[in-house]
N, C-alpha and C. Protein backbone atom coordinates (compact mmCIF):
# COMPACT_ATOMS: atom_id res chain seq x y z
N UNK A 1 -31.69 -2.49 -13.32
CA UNK A 1 -30.46 -2.62 -12.56
C UNK A 1 -30.72 -2.11 -11.14
N UNK A 2 -30.40 -2.90 -10.13
CA UNK A 2 -30.62 -2.47 -8.74
C UNK A 2 -29.76 -1.27 -8.37
N UNK A 3 -30.29 -0.48 -7.47
CA UNK A 3 -29.63 0.73 -7.01
C UNK A 3 -28.68 0.39 -5.87
N UNK A 4 -27.47 0.96 -5.90
CA UNK A 4 -26.52 0.80 -4.80
C UNK A 4 -26.43 2.14 -4.10
N UNK A 5 -26.78 2.19 -2.81
CA UNK A 5 -26.75 3.47 -2.08
C UNK A 5 -25.35 4.09 -2.09
N UNK A 6 -25.30 5.40 -2.09
CA UNK A 6 -24.04 6.14 -2.16
C UNK A 6 -23.13 5.83 -0.98
N UNK A 7 -23.70 5.61 0.21
CA UNK A 7 -22.86 5.32 1.37
C UNK A 7 -22.18 3.96 1.24
N UNK A 8 -22.82 3.01 0.57
CA UNK A 8 -22.23 1.69 0.35
C UNK A 8 -21.07 1.82 -0.65
N UNK A 9 -21.27 2.59 -1.71
CA UNK A 9 -20.20 2.82 -2.68
C UNK A 9 -19.04 3.55 -2.02
N UNK A 10 -19.35 4.51 -1.18
CA UNK A 10 -18.32 5.26 -0.46
C UNK A 10 -17.48 4.33 0.43
N UNK A 11 -18.14 3.41 1.13
CA UNK A 11 -17.41 2.44 1.96
C UNK A 11 -16.50 1.56 1.12
N UNK A 12 -16.99 1.14 -0.05
CA UNK A 12 -16.18 0.29 -0.94
C UNK A 12 -14.97 1.05 -1.46
N UNK A 13 -15.12 2.35 -1.74
CA UNK A 13 -14.01 3.15 -2.26
C UNK A 13 -12.95 3.43 -1.20
N UNK A 14 -13.31 3.32 0.07
CA UNK A 14 -12.36 3.62 1.13
C UNK A 14 -11.28 2.54 1.29
N UNK A 15 -11.55 1.34 0.84
CA UNK A 15 -10.57 0.26 1.02
C UNK A 15 -9.50 0.34 -0.06
N UNK A 16 -8.24 0.49 0.37
CA UNK A 16 -7.17 0.52 -0.62
C UNK A 16 -6.78 -0.90 -1.01
N UNK A 17 -6.03 -1.03 -2.08
CA UNK A 17 -5.71 -2.35 -2.64
C UNK A 17 -4.84 -3.16 -1.70
N UNK A 18 -3.88 -2.52 -1.04
CA UNK A 18 -3.02 -3.27 -0.11
C UNK A 18 -3.85 -3.91 1.00
N UNK A 19 -4.76 -3.15 1.60
CA UNK A 19 -5.59 -3.68 2.68
C UNK A 19 -6.47 -4.82 2.18
N UNK A 20 -7.03 -4.66 0.99
CA UNK A 20 -7.89 -5.71 0.42
C UNK A 20 -7.09 -7.00 0.22
N UNK A 21 -5.94 -6.89 -0.45
CA UNK A 21 -5.15 -8.09 -0.71
C UNK A 21 -4.59 -8.69 0.58
N UNK A 22 -4.16 -7.84 1.48
CA UNK A 22 -3.59 -8.33 2.75
C UNK A 22 -4.62 -9.11 3.56
N UNK A 23 -5.86 -8.62 3.58
CA UNK A 23 -6.89 -9.24 4.40
C UNK A 23 -7.62 -10.39 3.72
N UNK A 24 -7.82 -10.31 2.40
CA UNK A 24 -8.68 -11.28 1.74
C UNK A 24 -7.99 -12.17 0.72
N UNK A 25 -6.87 -11.75 0.19
CA UNK A 25 -6.12 -12.55 -0.78
C UNK A 25 -4.62 -12.46 -0.50
N UNK A 26 -4.18 -12.86 0.69
CA UNK A 26 -2.76 -12.68 1.04
C UNK A 26 -1.80 -13.45 0.14
N UNK A 27 -2.27 -14.51 -0.49
CA UNK A 27 -1.41 -15.28 -1.39
C UNK A 27 -1.05 -14.48 -2.64
N UNK A 28 -1.80 -13.44 -2.96
CA UNK A 28 -1.53 -12.61 -4.14
C UNK A 28 -0.52 -11.51 -3.87
N UNK A 29 -0.28 -11.18 -2.61
CA UNK A 29 0.55 -10.04 -2.24
C UNK A 29 2.01 -10.46 -2.14
N UNK A 30 2.89 -9.77 -2.88
CA UNK A 30 4.32 -10.07 -2.87
C UNK A 30 5.08 -8.80 -2.50
N UNK A 31 5.92 -8.89 -1.47
CA UNK A 31 6.71 -7.74 -1.03
C UNK A 31 7.88 -7.55 -1.97
N UNK A 32 8.02 -6.35 -2.54
CA UNK A 32 9.11 -6.06 -3.48
C UNK A 32 10.27 -5.43 -2.74
N UNK A 33 9.99 -4.48 -1.88
CA UNK A 33 11.03 -3.80 -1.12
C UNK A 33 10.48 -2.52 -0.53
N UNK A 34 10.97 -2.17 0.63
CA UNK A 34 10.48 -0.96 1.30
C UNK A 34 9.00 -1.06 1.57
N UNK A 35 8.24 -0.11 1.05
CA UNK A 35 6.78 -0.14 1.22
C UNK A 35 6.09 -0.47 -0.10
N UNK A 36 6.80 -1.11 -1.01
CA UNK A 36 6.26 -1.44 -2.32
C UNK A 36 5.93 -2.92 -2.41
N UNK A 37 4.76 -3.20 -2.98
CA UNK A 37 4.30 -4.58 -3.17
C UNK A 37 3.86 -4.75 -4.62
N UNK A 38 3.76 -5.99 -5.05
CA UNK A 38 3.16 -6.30 -6.34
C UNK A 38 2.26 -7.51 -6.14
N UNK A 39 1.56 -7.90 -7.19
CA UNK A 39 0.71 -9.08 -7.07
C UNK A 39 1.42 -10.27 -7.72
N UNK A 40 1.11 -11.44 -7.25
CA UNK A 40 1.73 -12.65 -7.80
C UNK A 40 1.36 -12.83 -9.27
N UNK A 41 0.14 -12.47 -9.62
CA UNK A 41 -0.35 -12.63 -10.98
C UNK A 41 0.24 -11.60 -11.94
N UNK A 42 0.42 -10.36 -11.46
CA UNK A 42 0.91 -9.27 -12.31
C UNK A 42 2.10 -8.61 -11.62
N UNK A 43 3.31 -9.00 -12.01
CA UNK A 43 4.48 -8.45 -11.32
C UNK A 43 4.77 -7.00 -11.70
N UNK A 44 4.14 -6.47 -12.74
CA UNK A 44 4.33 -5.07 -13.09
C UNK A 44 3.28 -4.17 -12.44
N UNK A 45 2.39 -4.75 -11.64
CA UNK A 45 1.40 -3.97 -10.90
C UNK A 45 2.01 -3.68 -9.53
N UNK A 46 2.37 -2.43 -9.31
CA UNK A 46 3.03 -2.03 -8.07
C UNK A 46 2.04 -1.31 -7.15
N UNK A 47 2.13 -1.62 -5.86
CA UNK A 47 1.25 -1.04 -4.84
C UNK A 47 2.14 -0.32 -3.83
N UNK A 48 1.89 0.97 -3.62
CA UNK A 48 2.69 1.73 -2.67
C UNK A 48 1.95 3.00 -2.25
N UNK A 49 2.03 3.33 -0.99
CA UNK A 49 1.47 4.58 -0.44
C UNK A 49 0.00 4.78 -0.76
N UNK A 50 -0.79 3.72 -0.67
CA UNK A 50 -2.23 3.83 -0.88
C UNK A 50 -2.65 3.92 -2.33
N UNK A 51 -1.71 3.77 -3.26
CA UNK A 51 -2.02 3.82 -4.68
C UNK A 51 -1.47 2.57 -5.35
N UNK A 52 -1.93 2.31 -6.57
CA UNK A 52 -1.37 1.21 -7.34
C UNK A 52 -1.27 1.63 -8.80
N UNK A 53 -0.32 1.03 -9.51
CA UNK A 53 -0.15 1.32 -10.93
C UNK A 53 0.31 0.06 -11.64
N UNK A 54 -0.36 -0.28 -12.73
CA UNK A 54 -0.02 -1.45 -13.53
C UNK A 54 0.77 -0.94 -14.72
N UNK A 55 2.10 -1.02 -14.63
CA UNK A 55 2.98 -0.41 -15.61
C UNK A 55 2.82 -1.00 -17.01
N UNK A 56 2.64 -2.30 -17.13
CA UNK A 56 2.55 -2.90 -18.46
C UNK A 56 1.27 -2.50 -19.21
N UNK A 57 0.24 -2.07 -18.47
CA UNK A 57 -1.02 -1.67 -19.10
C UNK A 57 -1.28 -0.17 -19.02
N UNK A 58 -0.41 0.56 -18.31
CA UNK A 58 -0.53 2.01 -18.12
C UNK A 58 -1.87 2.42 -17.51
N UNK A 59 -2.29 1.69 -16.48
CA UNK A 59 -3.50 2.06 -15.73
C UNK A 59 -3.20 2.00 -14.25
N UNK A 60 -3.91 2.80 -13.49
CA UNK A 60 -3.69 2.82 -12.05
C UNK A 60 -4.92 3.26 -11.31
N UNK A 61 -4.81 3.33 -10.01
CA UNK A 61 -5.93 3.75 -9.18
C UNK A 61 -5.52 3.85 -7.73
N UNK A 62 -6.51 4.12 -6.90
CA UNK A 62 -6.27 4.27 -5.47
C UNK A 62 -6.92 3.16 -4.65
N UNK A 63 -8.04 2.66 -5.10
CA UNK A 63 -8.82 1.76 -4.25
C UNK A 63 -8.85 0.33 -4.77
N UNK A 64 -9.30 -0.56 -3.92
CA UNK A 64 -9.51 -1.95 -4.32
C UNK A 64 -10.63 -2.02 -5.35
N UNK A 65 -11.59 -1.10 -5.26
CA UNK A 65 -12.68 -1.06 -6.22
C UNK A 65 -12.14 -0.79 -7.63
N UNK A 66 -11.22 0.17 -7.75
CA UNK A 66 -10.58 0.44 -9.04
C UNK A 66 -9.89 -0.81 -9.58
N UNK A 67 -9.19 -1.52 -8.70
CA UNK A 67 -8.46 -2.73 -9.09
C UNK A 67 -9.41 -3.81 -9.61
N UNK A 68 -10.47 -4.07 -8.87
CA UNK A 68 -11.40 -5.11 -9.28
C UNK A 68 -12.05 -4.79 -10.62
N UNK A 69 -12.33 -3.52 -10.87
CA UNK A 69 -12.97 -3.11 -12.13
C UNK A 69 -11.96 -3.10 -13.28
N UNK A 70 -10.83 -2.42 -13.10
CA UNK A 70 -9.87 -2.21 -14.19
C UNK A 70 -8.99 -3.42 -14.49
N UNK A 71 -8.57 -4.15 -13.46
CA UNK A 71 -7.64 -5.26 -13.66
C UNK A 71 -8.37 -6.59 -13.80
N UNK A 72 -9.27 -6.85 -12.88
CA UNK A 72 -9.98 -8.13 -12.90
C UNK A 72 -11.17 -8.15 -13.85
N UNK A 73 -11.63 -6.96 -14.28
CA UNK A 73 -12.74 -6.89 -15.22
C UNK A 73 -14.09 -7.21 -14.61
N UNK A 74 -14.23 -7.04 -13.31
CA UNK A 74 -15.50 -7.31 -12.63
C UNK A 74 -16.41 -6.09 -12.80
N UNK A 75 -17.67 -6.28 -13.15
CA UNK A 75 -18.59 -5.14 -13.28
C UNK A 75 -18.71 -4.37 -11.95
N UNK A 76 -19.00 -3.07 -12.06
CA UNK A 76 -19.04 -2.18 -10.90
C UNK A 76 -19.90 -2.73 -9.76
N UNK A 77 -21.12 -3.12 -10.06
CA UNK A 77 -22.05 -3.60 -9.03
C UNK A 77 -21.47 -4.81 -8.29
N UNK A 78 -20.93 -5.77 -9.05
CA UNK A 78 -20.36 -6.97 -8.42
C UNK A 78 -19.11 -6.63 -7.61
N UNK A 79 -18.31 -5.67 -8.10
CA UNK A 79 -17.10 -5.28 -7.38
C UNK A 79 -17.46 -4.64 -6.03
N UNK A 80 -18.46 -3.77 -6.03
CA UNK A 80 -18.90 -3.15 -4.77
C UNK A 80 -19.42 -4.22 -3.82
N UNK A 81 -20.23 -5.13 -4.33
CA UNK A 81 -20.78 -6.20 -3.49
C UNK A 81 -19.66 -7.11 -2.96
N UNK A 82 -18.64 -7.35 -3.77
CA UNK A 82 -17.51 -8.18 -3.32
C UNK A 82 -16.81 -7.53 -2.14
N UNK A 83 -16.50 -6.25 -2.26
CA UNK A 83 -15.78 -5.56 -1.18
C UNK A 83 -16.65 -5.41 0.05
N UNK A 84 -17.86 -4.93 -0.12
CA UNK A 84 -18.75 -4.69 1.02
C UNK A 84 -19.15 -6.01 1.66
N UNK A 85 -19.40 -7.03 0.85
CA UNK A 85 -19.76 -8.34 1.37
C UNK A 85 -18.65 -8.96 2.20
N UNK A 86 -17.43 -8.82 1.74
CA UNK A 86 -16.29 -9.37 2.50
C UNK A 86 -16.06 -8.59 3.77
N UNK A 87 -16.26 -7.28 3.71
CA UNK A 87 -16.11 -6.46 4.93
C UNK A 87 -17.14 -6.85 5.97
N UNK A 88 -18.35 -7.14 5.53
CA UNK A 88 -19.41 -7.51 6.46
C UNK A 88 -19.17 -8.91 7.02
N UNK A 89 -18.68 -9.82 6.18
CA UNK A 89 -18.45 -11.19 6.62
C UNK A 89 -17.28 -11.29 7.58
N UNK A 90 -16.27 -10.49 7.35
CA UNK A 90 -15.08 -10.53 8.20
C UNK A 90 -14.70 -9.09 8.53
N UNK A 91 -15.07 -8.60 9.71
CA UNK A 91 -14.74 -7.22 10.04
C UNK A 91 -13.24 -7.00 10.06
N UNK A 92 -12.84 -5.86 9.53
CA UNK A 92 -11.43 -5.54 9.47
C UNK A 92 -10.91 -5.11 10.83
N UNK A 93 -9.78 -5.63 11.18
CA UNK A 93 -9.11 -5.20 12.39
C UNK A 93 -7.79 -4.61 11.92
N UNK A 94 -7.70 -3.30 11.95
CA UNK A 94 -6.48 -2.68 11.47
C UNK A 94 -5.58 -2.34 12.65
N UNK A 95 -4.37 -2.79 12.55
CA UNK A 95 -3.38 -2.48 13.58
C UNK A 95 -2.74 -1.15 13.22
N UNK A 96 -2.47 -0.33 14.21
CA UNK A 96 -1.82 0.95 13.89
C UNK A 96 -0.42 0.69 13.33
N UNK A 97 -0.04 1.52 12.38
CA UNK A 97 1.28 1.36 11.79
C UNK A 97 2.34 1.73 12.81
N UNK A 98 3.38 0.93 12.85
CA UNK A 98 4.46 1.19 13.79
C UNK A 98 5.38 2.26 13.23
N UNK A 99 5.67 3.23 14.06
CA UNK A 99 6.61 4.27 13.69
C UNK A 99 8.02 3.70 13.83
N UNK A 100 8.91 4.01 12.91
CA UNK A 100 10.28 3.54 13.09
C UNK A 100 10.89 4.20 14.32
N UNK A 101 11.77 3.50 15.00
CA UNK A 101 12.35 4.08 16.22
C UNK A 101 13.13 5.35 15.89
N UNK A 102 13.07 6.30 16.80
CA UNK A 102 13.80 7.56 16.62
C UNK A 102 15.28 7.27 16.78
N UNK A 103 16.04 7.73 15.84
CA UNK A 103 17.48 7.52 15.88
C UNK A 103 18.17 8.86 16.04
N UNK A 104 19.27 8.84 16.76
CA UNK A 104 20.05 10.07 16.88
C UNK A 104 21.49 9.74 16.50
N UNK A 105 22.14 10.69 15.91
CA UNK A 105 23.51 10.52 15.46
C UNK A 105 24.43 10.76 16.64
N UNK A 106 25.23 9.77 16.98
CA UNK A 106 26.18 9.90 18.07
C UNK A 106 27.56 10.15 17.48
N UNK A 107 28.11 11.29 17.82
CA UNK A 107 29.43 11.65 17.31
C UNK A 107 30.50 11.26 18.32
N UNK A 108 31.67 10.89 17.85
CA UNK A 108 32.75 10.56 18.78
C UNK A 108 33.26 11.84 19.45
N UNK A 109 33.97 11.68 20.54
CA UNK A 109 34.56 12.83 21.22
C UNK A 109 35.56 13.51 20.28
N UNK A 110 35.70 14.82 20.47
CA UNK A 110 36.61 15.57 19.62
C UNK A 110 38.03 15.13 19.90
N UNK A 111 38.82 15.02 18.85
CA UNK A 111 40.20 14.60 18.97
C UNK A 111 40.97 15.66 19.74
N UNK A 112 41.68 15.22 20.76
CA UNK A 112 42.42 16.18 21.58
C UNK A 112 43.81 16.46 21.02
N UNK A 113 44.27 15.69 20.07
CA UNK A 113 45.58 15.92 19.46
C UNK A 113 45.51 17.13 18.55
N UNK A 114 46.49 17.95 18.62
CA UNK A 114 46.52 19.08 17.72
C UNK A 114 47.53 18.77 16.61
N UNK A 115 47.23 19.23 15.42
CA UNK A 115 48.11 18.98 14.29
C UNK A 115 49.26 19.95 14.30
N UNK A 116 50.40 19.52 13.79
CA UNK A 116 51.54 20.47 13.72
C UNK A 116 51.19 21.63 12.79
N UNK A 117 51.77 22.77 13.04
CA UNK A 117 51.47 23.98 12.29
C UNK A 117 51.80 23.80 10.81
N UNK A 118 52.77 22.99 10.45
CA UNK A 118 53.17 22.81 9.05
C UNK A 118 52.05 22.10 8.27
N UNK A 119 51.31 21.22 8.90
CA UNK A 119 50.25 20.50 8.22
C UNK A 119 49.07 21.42 7.95
N UNK A 120 48.81 22.34 8.84
CA UNK A 120 47.68 23.23 8.71
C UNK A 120 47.87 24.26 7.59
N UNK A 121 49.08 24.63 7.25
CA UNK A 121 49.28 25.66 6.25
C UNK A 121 49.52 25.11 4.88
């Protein structure tokens, strides 16, 4: 069995599932709501905050490498080569995440009418 250098495996582990699907298989990515996504093939596989969990099978992970091995059943060596090969063929261009605009609560002016003393007691 050929040796895969540790730095190559480390690079493959750095790619999360959302980034992998967004860049290489966008047809599989389905927006559920907020920051949660699922895959078209497995609607119980939820992706959020850099992690994923397949509820119907009770398995989860953090990286695209975990997904390719646990869900797709691809052997480790081929999964690493798939991720690293795609990264080399098409360099990733990651856009910085947009921060939501800062909002401030605007209160109305204080009511200048005073209530009658009978209402206050």
